[in-house]
Amino acid sequence: MFYRSGDEELATDIAQDTFMRLWEKQIDVDPRTVKGLLIKIANDFFISRYRKEKFAFSFFKTFRPDTLDRTPEENLTYQELEKAYEEALKSMPEKQRTVFLMNRIDEKKYRDIAGELGLSVKAVEKRMTLALEHLRKNLKGVAMFLFLLGAKIFQDKTVRN
């Protein structure tokens, strides 16, 4: 997995997840075929994780704020915010991240998400609440920047008009 991903931590996580899956399922495995089974499970985990991250980070590929009116310092701060957001999404539990992205990126309503995931609307609401709390906690330092940047943009627009 390390050669495939190039990330030692990711490779370690996938290896641990692979052995946990084998242990959880309590599969009786022939010692001669165990290596192939482990590789198959690890590859499935890698592909699954890659697809989720690709979906999660597609937001920043489509969203690009107007950079003409910002100073280089604001651009640098925005890049730091983008990095912090990516890290917060990565560290968010998968179930919360799925609900969050379906709501915020795909703009789906809670009842639609509940139908697709086979959950109750209350369960979706709970996951969304936990996801937002997670983001608030992880992005606490950049919240003031967003406020100040928003105020500056609003002020610039009202001065121009």
C-alpha atoms as a PDB file:
ATOM      1  CA  MET A   1       0.000   0.000   0.000  1.00  0.00           C
ATOM      2  CA  PHE A   2       2.890   2.350   0.646  1.00  0.00           C
ATOM      3  CA  TYR A   3       4.114   1.978  -2.932  1.00  0.00           C
ATOM      4  CA  ARG A   4       0.631   2.520  -4.252  1.00  0.00           C
ATOM      5  CA  SER A   5      -0.268   5.536  -2.112  1.00  0.00           C
ATOM      6  CA  GLY A   6       3.126   7.105  -1.404  1.00  0.00           C
ATOM      7  CA  ASP A   7       1.882   7.925   2.100  1.00  0.00           C
ATOM      8  CA  GLU A   8       3.273   5.900   4.990  1.00  0.00           C
ATOM      9  CA  GLU A   9       0.472   6.839   7.394  1.00  0.00           C
ATOM     10  CA  LEU A  10      -2.228   5.973   4.865  1.00  0.00           C
ATOM     11  CA  ALA A  11      -0.549   2.647   4.127  1.00  0.00           C
ATOM     12  CA  THR A  12      -0.406   1.854   7.847  1.00  0.00           C
ATOM     13  CA  ASP A  13      -4.083   2.790   8.301  1.00  0.00           C
ATOM     14  CA  ILE A  14      -5.141   0.616   5.376  1.00  0.00           C
ATOM     15  CA  ALA A  15      -3.076  -2.319   6.676  1.00  0.00           C
ATOM     16  CA  GLN A  16      -4.694  -1.982  10.105  1.00  0.00           C
ATOM     17  CA  ASP A  17      -8.168  -1.692   8.576  1.00  0.00           C
ATOM     18  CA  THR A  18      -7.466  -4.779   6.470  1.00  0.00           C
ATOM     19  CA  PHE A  19      -6.482  -6.921   9.443  1.00  0.00           C
ATOM     20  CA  MET A  20      -9.400  -5.554  11.459  1.00  0.00           C
ATOM     21  CA  ARG A  21     -11.821  -6.502   8.674  1.00  0.00           C
ATOM     22  CA  LEU A  22     -10.383 -10.019   8.577  1.00  0.00           C
ATOM     23  CA  TRP A  23     -10.611 -10.282  12.357  1.00  0.00           C
ATOM     24  CA  GLU A  24     -14.161  -8.816  12.560  1.00  0.00           C
ATOM     25  CA  LYS A  25     -15.503 -11.179   9.920  1.00  0.00           C
ATOM     26  CA  GLN A  26     -13.702 -14.115  11.570  1.00  0.00           C
ATOM     27  CA  ILE A  27     -13.012 -15.599   8.193  1.00  0.00           C
ATOM     28  CA  ASP A  28     -11.413 -19.031   8.216  1.00  0.00           C
ATOM     29  CA  VAL A  29      -8.616 -18.580   5.697  1.00  0.00           C
ATOM     30  CA  ASP A  30      -6.349 -21.115   4.094  1.00  0.00           C
ATOM     31  CA  PRO A  31      -2.737 -20.087   4.883  1.00  0.00           C
ATOM     32  CA  ARG A  32      -1.803 -20.604   1.241  1.00  0.00           C
ATOM     33  CA  THR A  33      -4.329 -17.991   0.024  1.00  0.00           C
ATOM     34  CA  VAL A  34      -4.237 -15.502   2.899  1.00  0.00           C
ATOM     35  CA  LYS A  35      -1.753 -13.186   1.149  1.00  0.00           C
ATOM     36  CA  GLY A  36      -4.010 -12.767  -1.888  1.00  0.00           C
ATOM     37  CA  LEU A  37      -7.042 -12.128   0.317  1.00  0.00           C
ATOM     38  CA  LEU A  38      -5.202  -9.483   2.341  1.00  0.00           C
ATOM     39  CA  ILE A  39      -4.018  -7.737  -0.822  1.00  0.00           C
ATOM     40  CA  LYS A  40      -7.555  -7.768  -2.254  1.00  0.00           C
ATOM     41  CA  ILE A  41      -9.069  -6.298   0.927  1.00  0.00           C
ATOM     42  CA  ALA A  42      -6.325  -3.650   1.164  1.00  0.00           C
ATOM     43  CA  ASN A  43      -6.810  -2.655  -2.483  1.00  0.00           C
ATOM     44  CA  ASP A  44     -10.550  -2.317  -1.908  1.00  0.00           C
ATOM     45  CA  PHE A  45      -9.903  -0.064   1.109  1.00  0.00           C
ATOM     46  CA  PHE A  46      -7.452   2.035  -0.895  1.00  0.00           C
ATOM     47  CA  ILE A  47      -9.857   2.510  -3.793  1.00  0.00           C
ATOM     48  CA  SER A  48     -12.730   3.326  -1.436  1.00  0.00           C
ATOM     49  CA  ARG A  49     -10.672   5.904   0.441  1.00  0.00           C
ATOM     50  CA  TYR A  50      -9.390   7.423  -2.816  1.00  0.00           C
ATOM     51  CA  ARG A  51     -12.927   7.858  -4.161  1.00  0.00           C
ATOM     52  CA  LYS A  52     -14.146   9.477  -0.936  1.00  0.00           C
ATOM     53  CA  GLU A  53     -11.241  11.919  -0.821  1.00  0.00           C
ATOM     54  CA  LYS A  54     -11.636  12.730  -4.507  1.00  0.00           C
ATOM     55  CA  PHE A  55     -15.297  13.569  -3.868  1.00  0.00           C
ATOM     56  CA  ALA A  56     -14.551  15.546  -0.713  1.00  0.00           C
ATOM     57  CA  PHE A  57     -11.891  17.724  -2.288  1.00  0.00           C
ATOM     58  CA  SER A  58     -13.729  18.330  -5.534  1.00  0.00           C
ATOM     59  CA  PHE A  59     -15.371  21.239  -3.712  1.00  0.00           C
ATOM     60  CA  PHE A  60     -12.189  23.291  -3.902  1.00  0.00           C
ATOM     61  CA  LYS A  61     -11.727  22.485  -7.576  1.00  0.00           C
ATOM     62  CA  THR A  62     -15.114  24.014  -8.396  1.00  0.00           C
ATOM     63  CA  PHE A  63     -15.113  26.864  -5.863  1.00  0.00           C
ATOM     64  CA  ARG A  64     -12.669  29.640  -6.521  1.00  0.00           C
ATOM     65  CA  PRO A  65     -13.397  33.004  -4.933  1.00  0.00           C
ATOM     66  CA  ASP A  66     -12.529  36.212  -6.735  1.00  0.00           C
ATOM     67  CA  THR A  67      -8.836  36.742  -6.020  1.00  0.00           C
ATOM     68  CA  LEU A  68      -8.454  40.075  -7.788  1.00  0.00           C
ATOM     69  CA  ASP A  69      -9.612  42.153  -4.822  1.00  0.00           C
ATOM     70  CA  ARG A  70      -7.519  40.358  -2.192  1.00  0.00           C
ATOM     71  CA  THR A  71      -4.075  41.182  -0.947  1.00  0.00           C
ATOM     72  CA  PRO A  72      -1.293  38.571  -1.072  1.00  0.00           C
ATOM     73  CA  GLU A  73      -1.683  38.191   2.688  1.00  0.00           C
ATOM     74  CA  GLU A  74      -5.386  37.391   2.300  1.00  0.00           C
ATOM     75  CA  ASN A  75      -4.555  34.878  -0.463  1.00  0.00           C
ATOM     76  CA  LEU A  76      -2.050  33.160   1.816  1.00  0.00           C
ATOM     77  CA  THR A  77      -4.557  33.079   4.643  1.00  0.00           C
ATOM     78  CA  TYR A  78      -7.164  31.617   2.285  1.00  0.00           C
ATOM     79  CA  GLN A  79      -4.734  28.864   1.306  1.00  0.00           C
ATOM     80  CA  GLU A  80      -4.206  28.113   4.991  1.00  0.00           C
ATOM     81  CA  LEU A  81      -7.970  27.991   5.453  1.00  0.00           C
ATOM     82  CA  GLU A  82      -8.299  25.604   2.526  1.00  0.00           C
ATOM     83  CA  LYS A  83      -5.643  23.336   4.046  1.00  0.00           C
ATOM     84  CA  ALA A  84      -7.336  23.456   7.458  1.00  0.00           C
ATOM     85  CA  TYR A  85     -10.696  22.594   5.867  1.00  0.00           C
ATOM     86  CA  GLU A  86      -9.181  19.618   4.032  1.00  0.00           C
ATOM     87  CA  GLU A  87      -7.576  18.362   7.236  1.00  0.00           C
ATOM     88  CA  ALA A  88     -10.832  18.802   9.145  1.00  0.00           C
ATOM     89  CA  LEU A  89     -12.677  16.806   6.488  1.00  0.00           C
ATOM     90  CA  LYS A  90     -10.039  14.067   6.552  1.00  0.00           C
ATOM     91  CA  SER A  91     -10.256  13.751  10.322  1.00  0.00           C
ATOM     92  CA  MET A  92     -14.073  13.769  10.360  1.00  0.00           C
ATOM     93  CA  PRO A  93     -15.698  10.350  10.881  1.00  0.00           C
ATOM     94  CA  GLU A  94     -16.813   8.845   7.575  1.00  0.00           C
ATOM     95  CA  LYS A  95     -20.538   8.757   8.352  1.00  0.00           C
ATOM     96  CA  GLN A  96     -20.577  12.423   9.355  1.00  0.00           C
ATOM     97  CA  ARG A  97     -18.469  13.447   6.357  1.00  0.00           C
ATOM     98  CA  THR A  98     -20.820  11.638   3.979  1.00  0.00           C
ATOM     99  CA  VAL A  99     -23.890  13.425   5.348  1.00  0.00           C
ATOM    100  CA  PHE A 100     -22.083  16.777   5.450  1.00  0.00           C
ATOM    101  CA  LEU A 101     -20.893  16.558   1.837  1.00  0.00           C
ATOM    102  CA  MET A 102     -24.233  15.312   0.543  1.00  0.00           C
ATOM    103  CA  ASN A 103     -25.926  18.292   2.182  1.00  0.00           C
ATOM    104  CA  ARG A 104     -23.400  21.041   1.545  1.00  0.00           C
ATOM    105  CA  ILE A 105     -21.853  20.022  -1.781  1.00  0.00           C
ATOM    106  CA  ASP A 106     -24.678  18.090  -3.458  1.00  0.00           C
ATOM    107  CA  GLU A 107     -27.259  20.389  -1.815  1.00  0.00           C
ATOM    108  CA  LYS A 108     -29.508  17.482  -0.850  1.00  0.00           C
ATOM    109  CA  LYS A 109     -32.172  17.823   1.796  1.00  0.00           C
ATOM    110  CA  TYR A 110     -32.041  15.745   4.971  1.00  0.00           C
ATOM    111  CA  ARG A 111     -34.967  13.538   3.912  1.00  0.00           C
ATOM    112  CA  ASP A 112     -33.262  12.786   0.571  1.00  0.00           C
ATOM    113  CA  ILE A 113     -30.030  11.891   2.341  1.00  0.00           C
ATOM    114  CA  ALA A 114     -31.944   9.717   4.794  1.00  0.00           C
ATOM    115  CA  GLY A 115     -33.610   7.880   1.909  1.00  0.00           C
ATOM    116  CA  GLU A 116     -30.330   7.269   0.084  1.00  0.00           C
ATOM    117  CA  LEU A 117     -28.462   6.096   3.172  1.00  0.00           C
ATOM    118  CA  GLY A 118     -31.346   4.145   4.701  1.00  0.00           C
ATOM    119  CA  LEU A 119     -31.436   6.282   7.838  1.00  0.00           C
ATOM    120  CA  SER A 120     -34.051   8.250   9.694  1.00  0.00           C
ATOM    121  CA  VAL A 121     -34.154  12.019   9.237  1.00  0.00           C
ATOM    122  CA  LYS A 122     -33.252  12.369  12.937  1.00  0.00           C
ATOM    123  CA  ALA A 123     -30.106  10.263  12.400  1.00  0.00           C
ATOM    124  CA  VAL A 124     -29.100  12.507   9.487  1.00  0.00           C
ATOM    125  CA  GLU A 125     -29.730  15.604  11.623  1.00  0.00           C
ATOM    126  CA  LYS A 126     -27.576  14.161  14.415  1.00  0.00           C
ATOM    127  CA  ARG A 127     -24.720  13.326  12.026  1.00  0.00           C
ATOM    128  CA  MET A 128     -24.902  16.793  10.503  1.00  0.00           C
ATOM    129  CA  THR A 129     -24.819  18.404  13.955  1.00  0.00           C
ATOM    130  CA  LEU A 130     -21.757  16.347  14.891  1.00  0.00           C
ATOM    131  CA  ALA A 131     -20.078  17.181  11.572  1.00  0.00           C
ATOM    132  CA  LEU A 132     -20.620  20.910  12.089  1.00  0.00           C
ATOM    133  CA  GLU A 133     -19.321  20.675  15.664  1.00  0.00           C
ATOM    134  CA  HIS A 134     -16.246  18.875  14.347  1.00  0.00           C
ATOM    135  CA  LEU A 135     -15.631  21.613  11.775  1.00  0.00           C
ATOM    136  CA  ARG A 136     -16.185  24.361  14.353  1.00  0.00           C
ATOM    137  CA  LYS A 137     -13.677  22.741  16.681  1.00  0.00           C
ATOM    138  CA  ASN A 138     -11.068  22.170  13.966  1.00  0.00           C
ATOM    139  CA  LEU A 139     -11.520  25.519  12.221  1.00  0.00           C
ATOM    140  CA  LYS A 140     -11.833  27.678  15.329  1.00  0.00           C
ATOM    141  CA  GLY A 141      -8.686  29.668  14.538  1.00  0.00           C
ATOM    142  CA  VAL A 142      -9.755  30.579  11.025  1.00  0.00           C
ATOM    143  CA  ALA A 143     -13.296  31.623  11.887  1.00  0.00           C
ATOM    144  CA  MET A 144     -12.177  35.172  12.685  1.00  0.00           C
ATOM    145  CA  PHE A 145     -10.449  35.408   9.298  1.00  0.00           C
ATOM    146  CA  LEU A 146     -13.670  34.470   7.544  1.00  0.00           C
ATOM    147  CA  PHE A 147     -15.573  37.076   9.496  1.00  0.00           C
ATOM    148  CA  LEU A 148     -13.031  39.794   8.746  1.00  0.00           C
ATOM    149  CA  LEU A 149     -12.721  38.814   5.086  1.00  0.00           C
ATOM    150  CA  GLY A 150     -16.514  38.805   4.735  1.00  0.00           C
ATOM    151  CA  ALA A 151     -16.760  42.218   6.391  1.00  0.00           C
ATOM    152  CA  LYS A 152     -14.037  43.618   4.128  1.00  0.00           C
ATOM    153  CA  ILE A 153     -15.707  42.269   0.989  1.00  0.00           C
ATOM    154  CA  PHE A 154     -19.081  43.632   2.109  1.00  0.00           C
ATOM    155  CA  GLN A 155     -17.523  47.008   2.896  1.00  0.00           C
ATOM    156  CA  ASP A 156     -15.718  47.121  -0.481  1.00  0.00           C
ATOM    157  CA  LYS A 157     -18.918  46.372  -2.344  1.00  0.00           C
ATOM    158  CA  THR A 158     -20.921  49.015  -0.527  1.00  0.00           C
ATOM    159  CA  VAL A 159     -18.200  51.626  -1.142  1.00  0.00           C
ATOM    160  CA  ARG A 160     -18.188  50.811  -4.883  1.00  0.00           C
ATOM    161  CA  ASN A 161     -21.978  51.082  -5.161  1.00  0.00           C
END
